[in-house]
Amino acid sequence: MSVNIMGIQIPGAIASIVQDNKAIAEQALNEMINKHKDDPARIIKEIQQPSPFSQFLDIKI
């Protein structure tokens, strides 16, 4: 097995690692896209969640 990256033919184990990582990255990206397409209000819900760091930023004057 080999893969062609920018005109350079890369053989063997490196090629399979590159192809596996590419497939994993594409799957993760598609899952993120589909998650937000299925529930557009999710972004608003995530933004409205309190930050875990907000307790450290509570400054009293």
N, C-alpha and C. Protein backbone atom coordinates (compact mmCIF):
# COMPACT_ATOMS: atom_id res chain seq x y z
N MET A 1 0.85 -1.17 0.00
CA MET A 1 0.00 0.00 0.00
C MET A 1 0.90 1.24 0.00
N SER A 2 0.53 2.21 -0.78
CA SER A 2 1.26 3.48 -0.79
C SER A 2 0.28 4.61 -1.02
N VAL A 3 0.72 5.80 -0.69
CA VAL A 3 -0.12 6.98 -0.86
C VAL A 3 0.72 8.07 -1.51
N ASN A 4 0.06 8.91 -2.29
CA ASN A 4 0.73 10.00 -2.97
C ASN A 4 0.40 11.30 -2.24
N ILE A 5 1.41 11.91 -1.63
CA ILE A 5 1.22 13.17 -0.91
C ILE A 5 2.04 14.25 -1.59
N MET A 6 1.34 15.20 -2.18
CA MET A 6 1.97 16.32 -2.89
C MET A 6 3.01 15.83 -3.90
N GLY A 7 2.67 14.78 -4.63
CA GLY A 7 3.55 14.28 -5.67
C GLY A 7 4.63 13.33 -5.19
N ILE A 8 4.68 13.05 -3.90
CA ILE A 8 5.70 12.15 -3.36
C ILE A 8 5.02 10.84 -3.00
N GLN A 9 5.51 9.75 -3.56
CA GLN A 9 4.95 8.44 -3.28
C GLN A 9 5.52 7.92 -1.96
N ILE A 10 4.62 7.65 -1.00
CA ILE A 10 5.04 7.18 0.32
C ILE A 10 4.53 5.76 0.50
N PRO A 11 5.44 4.81 0.69
CA PRO A 11 5.04 3.41 0.78
C PRO A 11 4.80 2.93 2.21
N GLY A 12 4.14 1.77 2.30
CA GLY A 12 4.11 0.99 3.52
C GLY A 12 3.30 1.52 4.68
N ALA A 13 3.87 1.33 5.88
CA ALA A 13 3.18 1.62 7.14
C ALA A 13 2.82 3.09 7.27
N ILE A 14 3.68 3.96 6.80
CA ILE A 14 3.40 5.40 6.90
C ILE A 14 2.15 5.74 6.11
N ALA A 15 2.01 5.12 4.95
CA ALA A 15 0.83 5.37 4.12
C ALA A 15 -0.44 4.94 4.83
N SER A 16 -0.41 3.79 5.47
CA SER A 16 -1.62 3.32 6.15
C SER A 16 -1.95 4.20 7.35
N ILE A 17 -0.94 4.69 8.06
CA ILE A 17 -1.18 5.59 9.19
C ILE A 17 -1.79 6.90 8.70
N VAL A 18 -1.26 7.44 7.60
CA VAL A 18 -1.79 8.69 7.05
C VAL A 18 -3.24 8.49 6.62
N GLN A 19 -3.54 7.39 5.95
CA GLN A 19 -4.90 7.14 5.48
C GLN A 19 -5.85 6.91 6.65
N ASP A 20 -5.40 6.19 7.68
CA ASP A 20 -6.24 5.97 8.86
C ASP A 20 -6.55 7.29 9.57
N ASN A 21 -5.52 8.12 9.75
CA ASN A 21 -5.72 9.41 10.42
C ASN A 21 -6.64 10.32 9.61
N LYS A 22 -6.50 10.26 8.29
CA LYS A 22 -7.38 11.07 7.43
C LYS A 22 -8.83 10.62 7.59
N ALA A 23 -9.05 9.31 7.61
CA ALA A 23 -10.41 8.79 7.75
C ALA A 23 -10.99 9.15 9.11
N ILE A 24 -10.19 9.06 10.16
CA ILE A 24 -10.66 9.41 11.51
C ILE A 24 -11.00 10.90 11.58
N ALA A 25 -10.17 11.75 11.00
CA ALA A 25 -10.42 13.19 11.02
C ALA A 25 -11.68 13.53 10.23
N GLU A 26 -11.86 12.90 9.08
CA GLU A 26 -13.07 13.15 8.28
C GLU A 26 -14.32 12.71 9.03
N GLN A 27 -14.25 11.57 9.71
CA GLN A 27 -15.40 11.08 10.46
C GLN A 27 -15.74 12.02 11.61
N ALA A 28 -14.73 12.48 12.33
CA ALA A 28 -14.97 13.41 13.44
C ALA A 28 -15.57 14.72 12.95
N LEU A 29 -15.06 15.22 11.84
CA LEU A 29 -15.58 16.47 11.28
C LEU A 29 -17.03 16.30 10.82
N ASN A 30 -17.32 15.20 10.16
CA ASN A 30 -18.69 14.95 9.71
C ASN A 30 -19.64 14.80 10.89
N GLU A 31 -19.20 14.17 11.97
CA GLU A 31 -20.04 14.05 13.16
C GLU A 31 -20.35 15.42 13.76
N MET A 32 -19.34 16.28 13.81
CA MET A 32 -19.55 17.64 14.35
C MET A 32 -20.53 18.41 13.47
N ILE A 33 -20.37 18.32 12.16
CA ILE A 33 -21.26 19.03 11.23
C ILE A 33 -22.68 18.51 11.37
N ASN A 34 -22.84 17.20 11.41
CA ASN A 34 -24.19 16.62 11.51
C ASN A 34 -24.84 16.94 12.85
N LYS A 35 -24.05 16.98 13.91
CA LYS A 35 -24.60 17.30 15.23
C LYS A 35 -25.21 18.69 15.22
N HIS A 36 -24.56 19.63 14.58
CA HIS A 36 -25.06 21.00 14.55
C HIS A 36 -26.16 21.18 13.51
N LYS A 37 -26.14 20.38 12.45
CA LYS A 37 -27.23 20.45 11.47
C LYS A 37 -28.51 19.89 12.06
N ASP A 38 -28.39 18.84 12.87
CA ASP A 38 -29.56 18.20 13.45
C ASP A 38 -30.19 19.05 14.55
N ASP A 39 -29.38 19.81 15.29
CA ASP A 39 -29.90 20.61 16.40
C ASP A 39 -29.22 21.98 16.43
N PRO A 40 -29.71 22.94 15.60
CA PRO A 40 -29.08 24.26 15.54
C PRO A 40 -29.12 25.00 16.87
N ALA A 41 -30.09 24.70 17.71
CA ALA A 41 -30.19 25.39 19.00
C ALA A 41 -29.11 24.92 19.96
N ARG A 42 -28.42 23.85 19.62
CA ARG A 42 -27.35 23.32 20.48
C ARG A 42 -26.25 24.36 20.71
N ILE A 43 -25.93 25.13 19.67
CA ILE A 43 -24.89 26.15 19.80
C ILE A 43 -25.29 27.17 20.86
N ILE A 44 -26.53 27.59 20.83
CA ILE A 44 -27.02 28.56 21.81
C ILE A 44 -26.97 27.95 23.21
N LYS A 45 -27.36 26.68 23.33
CA LYS A 45 -27.32 26.02 24.64
C LYS A 45 -25.89 25.94 25.16
N GLU A 46 -24.95 25.62 24.27
CA GLU A 46 -23.55 25.51 24.69
C GLU A 46 -22.99 26.86 25.10
N ILE A 47 -23.37 27.92 24.39
CA ILE A 47 -22.88 29.25 24.71
C ILE A 47 -23.44 29.71 26.05
N GLN A 48 -24.68 29.35 26.36
CA GLN A 48 -25.32 29.80 27.58
C GLN A 48 -24.87 29.02 28.82
N GLN A 49 -24.12 27.95 28.64
CA GLN A 49 -23.64 27.19 29.79
C GLN A 49 -22.63 28.03 30.56
N PRO A 50 -22.70 28.02 31.89
CA PRO A 50 -21.70 28.78 32.65
C PRO A 50 -20.32 28.16 32.50
N SER A 51 -19.35 29.00 32.44
CA SER A 51 -17.97 28.53 32.29
C SER A 51 -17.47 27.99 33.62
N PRO A 52 -16.69 26.92 33.59
CA PRO A 52 -16.13 26.41 34.83
C PRO A 52 -15.11 27.38 35.43
N PHE A 53 -14.64 28.32 34.62
CA PHE A 53 -13.66 29.29 35.10
C PHE A 53 -14.32 30.54 35.66
N SER A 54 -15.64 30.64 35.55
CA SER A 54 -16.32 31.86 35.99
C SER A 54 -16.16 32.09 37.49
N GLN A 55 -16.04 31.02 38.27
CA GLN A 55 -15.86 31.20 39.71
C GLN A 55 -14.53 31.87 40.03
N PHE A 56 -13.54 31.70 39.17
CA PHE A 56 -12.25 32.33 39.40
C PHE A 56 -12.24 33.79 38.95
N LEU A 57 -13.20 34.13 38.10
CA LEU A 57 -13.24 35.48 37.55
C LEU A 57 -14.20 36.39 38.29
N ASP A 58 -14.73 35.94 39.41
CA ASP A 58 -15.68 36.72 40.19
C ASP A 58 -14.90 37.77 40.99
N ILE A 59 -14.81 38.96 40.42
CA ILE A 59 -14.04 40.04 41.04
C ILE A 59 -15.01 41.01 41.69
N LYS A 60 -14.79 41.28 42.94
CA LYS A 60 -15.66 42.21 43.66
C LYS A 60 -14.89 43.52 43.89
N ILE A 61 -15.59 44.60 43.62
CA ILE A 61 -14.96 45.92 43.79
C ILE A 61 -15.61 46.64 44.94
